[in-house]
Amino acid sequence: MCFGDNPSKVAYIQHQLRHRLISCFEKGEITPFPTQSRRHQPRKMTYVDILIYCHCRQPENGKMADCKACHEWYHDDCEKIPDVVWRNPKYNWNCKKCTQI
């Protein structure tokens, strides 16, 4: 489909893509898909980093605690972190995974 071109920089003719794909399947060979010249500058891409935590791999969400063994942060809802962790910030809490090791 791309034939060495970066697909994010190619303007494909959308309404012809399905027909071309069917044609490629019928002929048993892939040929370049129809393109057109871009009339406008491509949009500037924006990237956003989202930090994920816990074994659920979700972003920060409410109460979270740091495992003193693996240094991963865990959600209270996922780990059922004991109340002593919230009352005593110096408490050495370990997640379920590190407790089993």
N, C-alpha and C. Protein backbone atom coordinates (compact mmCIF):
# COMPACT_ATOMS: atom_id res chain seq x y z
N MET A 1 0.82 -1.19 0.00
CA MET A 1 0.00 0.00 0.00
C MET A 1 0.86 1.25 0.00
N CYS A 2 1.94 1.24 0.77
CA CYS A 2 2.74 2.46 0.92
C CYS A 2 3.91 2.51 -0.05
N PHE A 3 4.45 1.36 -0.42
CA PHE A 3 5.56 1.30 -1.36
C PHE A 3 6.70 2.23 -0.97
N GLY A 4 7.05 2.20 0.30
CA GLY A 4 8.18 3.00 0.77
C GLY A 4 7.82 4.41 1.20
N ASP A 5 6.60 4.84 0.98
CA ASP A 5 6.18 6.18 1.39
C ASP A 5 5.67 6.16 2.83
N ASN A 6 5.86 7.26 3.51
CA ASN A 6 5.33 7.41 4.86
C ASN A 6 3.82 7.66 4.73
N PRO A 7 2.96 6.74 5.20
CA PRO A 7 1.52 6.91 4.99
C PRO A 7 0.93 8.14 5.67
N SER A 8 1.62 8.69 6.66
CA SER A 8 1.10 9.89 7.31
C SER A 8 1.34 11.14 6.46
N LYS A 9 2.17 11.00 5.40
CA LYS A 9 2.47 12.14 4.55
C LYS A 9 1.89 12.00 3.15
N VAL A 10 1.09 10.96 2.94
CA VAL A 10 0.49 10.70 1.64
C VAL A 10 -1.01 10.98 1.74
N ALA A 11 -1.56 11.64 0.73
CA ALA A 11 -3.00 11.92 0.69
C ALA A 11 -3.65 10.90 -0.25
N TYR A 12 -4.26 9.88 0.33
CA TYR A 12 -4.94 8.87 -0.49
C TYR A 12 -6.30 9.39 -0.94
N ILE A 13 -6.71 8.96 -2.12
CA ILE A 13 -8.04 9.32 -2.62
C ILE A 13 -9.02 8.33 -1.98
N GLN A 14 -9.66 8.78 -0.93
CA GLN A 14 -10.45 7.91 -0.06
C GLN A 14 -11.51 7.10 -0.81
N HIS A 15 -12.27 7.73 -1.68
CA HIS A 15 -13.39 7.03 -2.32
C HIS A 15 -12.93 5.97 -3.33
N GLN A 16 -11.64 5.90 -3.65
CA GLN A 16 -11.13 4.89 -4.58
C GLN A 16 -10.42 3.73 -3.89
N LEU A 17 -10.23 3.83 -2.59
CA LEU A 17 -9.44 2.81 -1.89
C LEU A 17 -10.09 1.43 -1.90
N ARG A 18 -11.39 1.36 -1.60
CA ARG A 18 -12.07 0.05 -1.55
C ARG A 18 -11.99 -0.65 -2.91
N HIS A 19 -12.29 0.08 -3.97
CA HIS A 19 -12.25 -0.50 -5.32
C HIS A 19 -10.84 -1.01 -5.64
N ARG A 20 -9.82 -0.23 -5.30
CA ARG A 20 -8.44 -0.64 -5.58
C ARG A 20 -8.07 -1.89 -4.78
N LEU A 21 -8.48 -1.96 -3.54
CA LEU A 21 -8.17 -3.13 -2.71
C LEU A 21 -8.82 -4.38 -3.28
N ILE A 22 -10.07 -4.28 -3.68
CA ILE A 22 -10.77 -5.43 -4.28
C ILE A 22 -10.05 -5.84 -5.56
N SER A 23 -9.66 -4.88 -6.37
CA SER A 23 -8.94 -5.16 -7.61
C SER A 23 -7.62 -5.88 -7.33
N CYS A 24 -6.91 -5.45 -6.31
CA CYS A 24 -5.64 -6.09 -5.95
C CYS A 24 -5.87 -7.55 -5.56
N PHE A 25 -6.93 -7.81 -4.78
CA PHE A 25 -7.24 -9.19 -4.38
C PHE A 25 -7.60 -10.04 -5.60
N GLU A 26 -8.38 -9.49 -6.51
CA GLU A 26 -8.79 -10.23 -7.70
C GLU A 26 -7.60 -10.55 -8.60
N LYS A 27 -6.66 -9.63 -8.73
CA LYS A 27 -5.49 -9.83 -9.58
C LYS A 27 -4.38 -10.61 -8.88
N GLY A 28 -4.46 -10.70 -7.55
CA GLY A 28 -3.44 -11.42 -6.80
C GLY A 28 -2.14 -10.64 -6.66
N GLU A 29 -2.21 -9.33 -6.81
CA GLU A 29 -1.02 -8.50 -6.64
C GLU A 29 -1.42 -7.14 -6.05
N ILE A 30 -0.52 -6.60 -5.26
CA ILE A 30 -0.76 -5.29 -4.65
C ILE A 30 -0.08 -4.23 -5.50
N THR A 31 -0.84 -3.26 -5.92
CA THR A 31 -0.29 -2.13 -6.67
C THR A 31 -0.50 -0.87 -5.85
N PRO A 32 0.22 0.20 -6.16
CA PRO A 32 0.08 1.42 -5.35
C PRO A 32 -1.36 1.92 -5.33
N PHE A 33 -1.77 2.38 -4.18
CA PHE A 33 -3.12 2.93 -4.01
C PHE A 33 -3.16 4.35 -4.56
N PRO A 34 -4.33 4.80 -5.05
CA PRO A 34 -4.42 6.13 -5.67
C PRO A 34 -4.18 7.25 -4.66
N THR A 35 -3.34 8.19 -5.07
CA THR A 35 -3.01 9.33 -4.21
C THR A 35 -3.27 10.63 -4.95
N GLN A 36 -3.28 11.70 -4.21
CA GLN A 36 -3.42 13.03 -4.80
C GLN A 36 -2.42 13.94 -4.10
N SER A 37 -2.09 15.04 -4.74
CA SER A 37 -1.16 15.97 -4.10
C SER A 37 -1.88 16.69 -2.97
N ARG A 38 -1.16 16.98 -1.95
CA ARG A 38 -1.74 17.70 -0.81
C ARG A 38 -1.90 19.16 -1.17
N ARG A 39 -3.06 19.71 -0.83
CA ARG A 39 -3.32 21.12 -1.09
C ARG A 39 -2.97 21.98 0.11
N HIS A 40 -2.74 21.36 1.22
CA HIS A 40 -2.45 22.11 2.44
C HIS A 40 -1.28 21.45 3.18
N GLN A 41 -0.71 22.19 4.06
CA GLN A 41 0.38 21.66 4.86
C GLN A 41 -0.18 20.64 5.85
N PRO A 42 0.54 19.58 6.09
CA PRO A 42 0.06 18.63 7.08
C PRO A 42 0.01 19.28 8.47
N ARG A 43 -0.93 18.83 9.25
CA ARG A 43 -1.07 19.38 10.60
C ARG A 43 0.12 18.99 11.46
N LYS A 44 0.45 19.88 12.36
CA LYS A 44 1.51 19.58 13.30
C LYS A 44 0.98 18.54 14.28
N MET A 45 1.73 17.47 14.45
CA MET A 45 1.30 16.42 15.35
C MET A 45 1.62 16.80 16.79
N THR A 46 0.73 16.49 17.67
CA THR A 46 0.92 16.74 19.08
C THR A 46 0.96 15.41 19.81
N TYR A 47 1.95 15.24 20.64
CA TYR A 47 2.09 14.02 21.42
C TYR A 47 1.87 14.35 22.89
N VAL A 48 1.17 13.49 23.56
CA VAL A 48 0.90 13.67 24.98
C VAL A 48 1.37 12.42 25.71
N ASP A 49 2.21 12.60 26.70
CA ASP A 49 2.63 11.48 27.53
C ASP A 49 1.63 11.31 28.66
N ILE A 50 1.15 10.10 28.81
CA ILE A 50 0.25 9.78 29.91
C ILE A 50 0.95 8.72 30.75
N LEU A 51 1.27 9.07 31.97
CA LEU A 51 1.94 8.13 32.86
C LEU A 51 0.94 7.10 33.34
N ILE A 52 1.35 5.83 33.30
CA ILE A 52 0.48 4.76 33.77
C ILE A 52 1.12 4.07 34.96
N TYR A 53 0.27 3.55 35.83
CA TYR A 53 0.72 2.97 37.09
C TYR A 53 0.00 1.67 37.35
N CYS A 54 0.40 1.01 38.43
CA CYS A 54 -0.34 -0.10 38.99
C CYS A 54 -0.33 -1.30 38.03
N HIS A 55 -0.87 -2.42 38.47
CA HIS A 55 -0.98 -3.59 37.59
C HIS A 55 -2.11 -3.42 36.59
N CYS A 56 -2.99 -2.43 36.81
CA CYS A 56 -4.09 -2.17 35.87
C CYS A 56 -3.63 -1.32 34.69
N ARG A 57 -2.43 -0.71 34.79
CA ARG A 57 -1.83 0.13 33.75
C ARG A 57 -2.72 1.31 33.37
N GLN A 58 -3.31 1.95 34.36
CA GLN A 58 -4.15 3.13 34.17
C GLN A 58 -3.43 4.35 34.75
N PRO A 59 -3.84 5.56 34.37
CA PRO A 59 -3.21 6.76 34.91
C PRO A 59 -3.55 6.98 36.38
N GLU A 60 -2.92 8.01 36.94
CA GLU A 60 -3.15 8.36 38.34
C GLU A 60 -4.64 8.57 38.56
N ASN A 61 -5.11 8.07 39.70
CA ASN A 61 -6.54 8.11 39.95
C ASN A 61 -6.79 8.01 41.45
N GLY A 62 -7.01 9.11 42.09
CA GLY A 62 -7.34 9.09 43.52
C GLY A 62 -6.17 8.70 44.39
N LYS A 63 -6.47 7.94 45.44
CA LYS A 63 -5.44 7.55 46.40
C LYS A 63 -4.51 6.50 45.80
N MET A 64 -3.21 6.77 45.93
CA MET A 64 -2.21 5.84 45.41
C MET A 64 -1.08 5.73 46.41
N ALA A 65 -0.43 4.55 46.44
CA ALA A 65 0.69 4.34 47.36
C ALA A 65 1.87 3.75 46.59
N ASP A 66 3.06 4.03 47.09
CA ASP A 66 4.32 3.59 46.50
C ASP A 66 4.77 2.31 47.20
N CYS A 67 4.98 1.25 46.43
CA CYS A 67 5.52 0.01 46.99
C CYS A 67 6.99 0.24 47.30
N LYS A 68 7.40 -0.04 48.53
CA LYS A 68 8.78 0.20 48.95
C LYS A 68 9.76 -0.80 48.34
N ALA A 69 9.26 -1.93 47.82
CA ALA A 69 10.14 -2.93 47.22
C ALA A 69 10.38 -2.67 45.73
N CYS A 70 9.31 -2.52 44.95
CA CYS A 70 9.47 -2.37 43.49
C CYS A 70 9.35 -0.92 43.04
N HIS A 71 8.97 -0.03 43.92
CA HIS A 71 8.85 1.41 43.65
C HIS A 71 7.80 1.75 42.60
N GLU A 72 6.87 0.85 42.38
CA GLU A 72 5.73 1.11 41.50
C GLU A 72 4.62 1.72 42.34
N TRP A 73 3.83 2.59 41.72
CA TRP A 73 2.68 3.20 42.40
C TRP A 73 1.44 2.39 42.10
N TYR A 74 0.59 2.22 43.13
CA TYR A 74 -0.62 1.42 43.01
C TYR A 74 -1.84 2.20 43.46
N HIS A 75 -2.97 1.94 42.77
CA HIS A 75 -4.24 2.55 43.15
C HIS A 75 -4.80 1.83 44.38
N ASP A 76 -5.37 2.58 45.27
CA ASP A 76 -6.00 1.99 46.45
C ASP A 76 -7.11 1.03 46.04
N ASP A 77 -7.88 1.39 45.03
CA ASP A 77 -8.98 0.52 44.58
C ASP A 77 -8.48 -0.81 44.03
N CYS A 78 -7.30 -0.85 43.44
CA CYS A 78 -6.77 -2.08 42.85
C CYS A 78 -6.09 -2.97 43.88
N GLU A 79 -5.39 -2.39 44.83
CA GLU A 79 -4.59 -3.15 45.79
C GLU A 79 -5.22 -3.30 47.16
N LYS A 80 -6.30 -2.57 47.42
CA LYS A 80 -6.90 -2.58 48.77
C LYS A 80 -5.83 -2.28 49.81
N ILE A 81 -5.20 -1.14 49.65
CA ILE A 81 -4.09 -0.71 50.51
C ILE A 81 -4.60 -0.46 51.92
N PRO A 82 -3.92 -1.00 52.94
CA PRO A 82 -4.39 -0.85 54.32
C PRO A 82 -4.36 0.60 54.79
N ASP A 83 -5.26 0.94 55.69
CA ASP A 83 -5.37 2.31 56.21
C ASP A 83 -4.10 2.81 56.87
N VAL A 84 -3.29 1.92 57.42
CA VAL A 84 -2.07 2.34 58.10
C VAL A 84 -1.14 3.10 57.15
N VAL A 85 -1.19 2.77 55.87
CA VAL A 85 -0.35 3.45 54.87
C VAL A 85 -0.73 4.92 54.77
N TRP A 86 -2.01 5.22 54.85
CA TRP A 86 -2.48 6.60 54.74
C TRP A 86 -2.24 7.38 56.03
N ARG A 87 -2.27 6.68 57.16
CA ARG A 87 -2.06 7.36 58.45
C ARG A 87 -0.58 7.60 58.73
N ASN A 88 0.29 6.73 58.21
CA ASN A 88 1.73 6.82 58.50
C ASN A 88 2.51 6.85 57.18
N PRO A 89 2.91 8.03 56.69
CA PRO A 89 3.61 8.13 55.41
C PRO A 89 4.95 7.38 55.37
N LYS A 90 5.53 7.08 56.52
CA LYS A 90 6.82 6.37 56.56
C LYS A 90 6.64 4.86 56.63
N TYR A 91 5.41 4.39 56.62
CA TYR A 91 5.12 2.96 56.68
C TYR A 91 5.67 2.28 55.42
N ASN A 92 6.40 1.19 55.60
CA ASN A 92 6.99 0.45 54.47
C ASN A 92 5.99 -0.56 53.93
N TRP A 93 5.17 -0.11 53.01
CA TRP A 93 4.15 -0.97 52.41
C TRP A 93 4.70 -1.63 51.15
N ASN A 94 4.37 -2.91 50.96
CA ASN A 94 4.73 -3.65 49.75
C ASN A 94 3.47 -4.12 49.04
N CYS A 95 3.49 -4.05 47.73
CA CYS A 95 2.35 -4.49 46.93
C CYS A 95 2.18 -6.01 47.04
N LYS A 96 1.06 -6.52 46.53
CA LYS A 96 0.78 -7.96 46.61
C LYS A 96 1.85 -8.78 45.90
N LYS A 97 2.31 -8.30 44.74
CA LYS A 97 3.32 -9.03 43.98
C LYS A 97 4.61 -9.16 44.77
N CYS A 98 5.07 -8.07 45.37
CA CYS A 98 6.32 -8.09 46.13
C CYS A 98 6.17 -8.86 47.44
N THR A 99 4.99 -8.88 48.00
CA THR A 99 4.75 -9.63 49.23
C THR A 99 4.86 -11.13 48.98
N GLN A 100 4.50 -11.58 47.78
CA GLN A 100 4.53 -13.01 47.44
C GLN A 100 5.92 -13.51 47.10
N ILE A 101 6.85 -12.62 46.85
CA ILE A 101 8.21 -13.02 46.44
C ILE A 101 8.98 -13.54 47.63
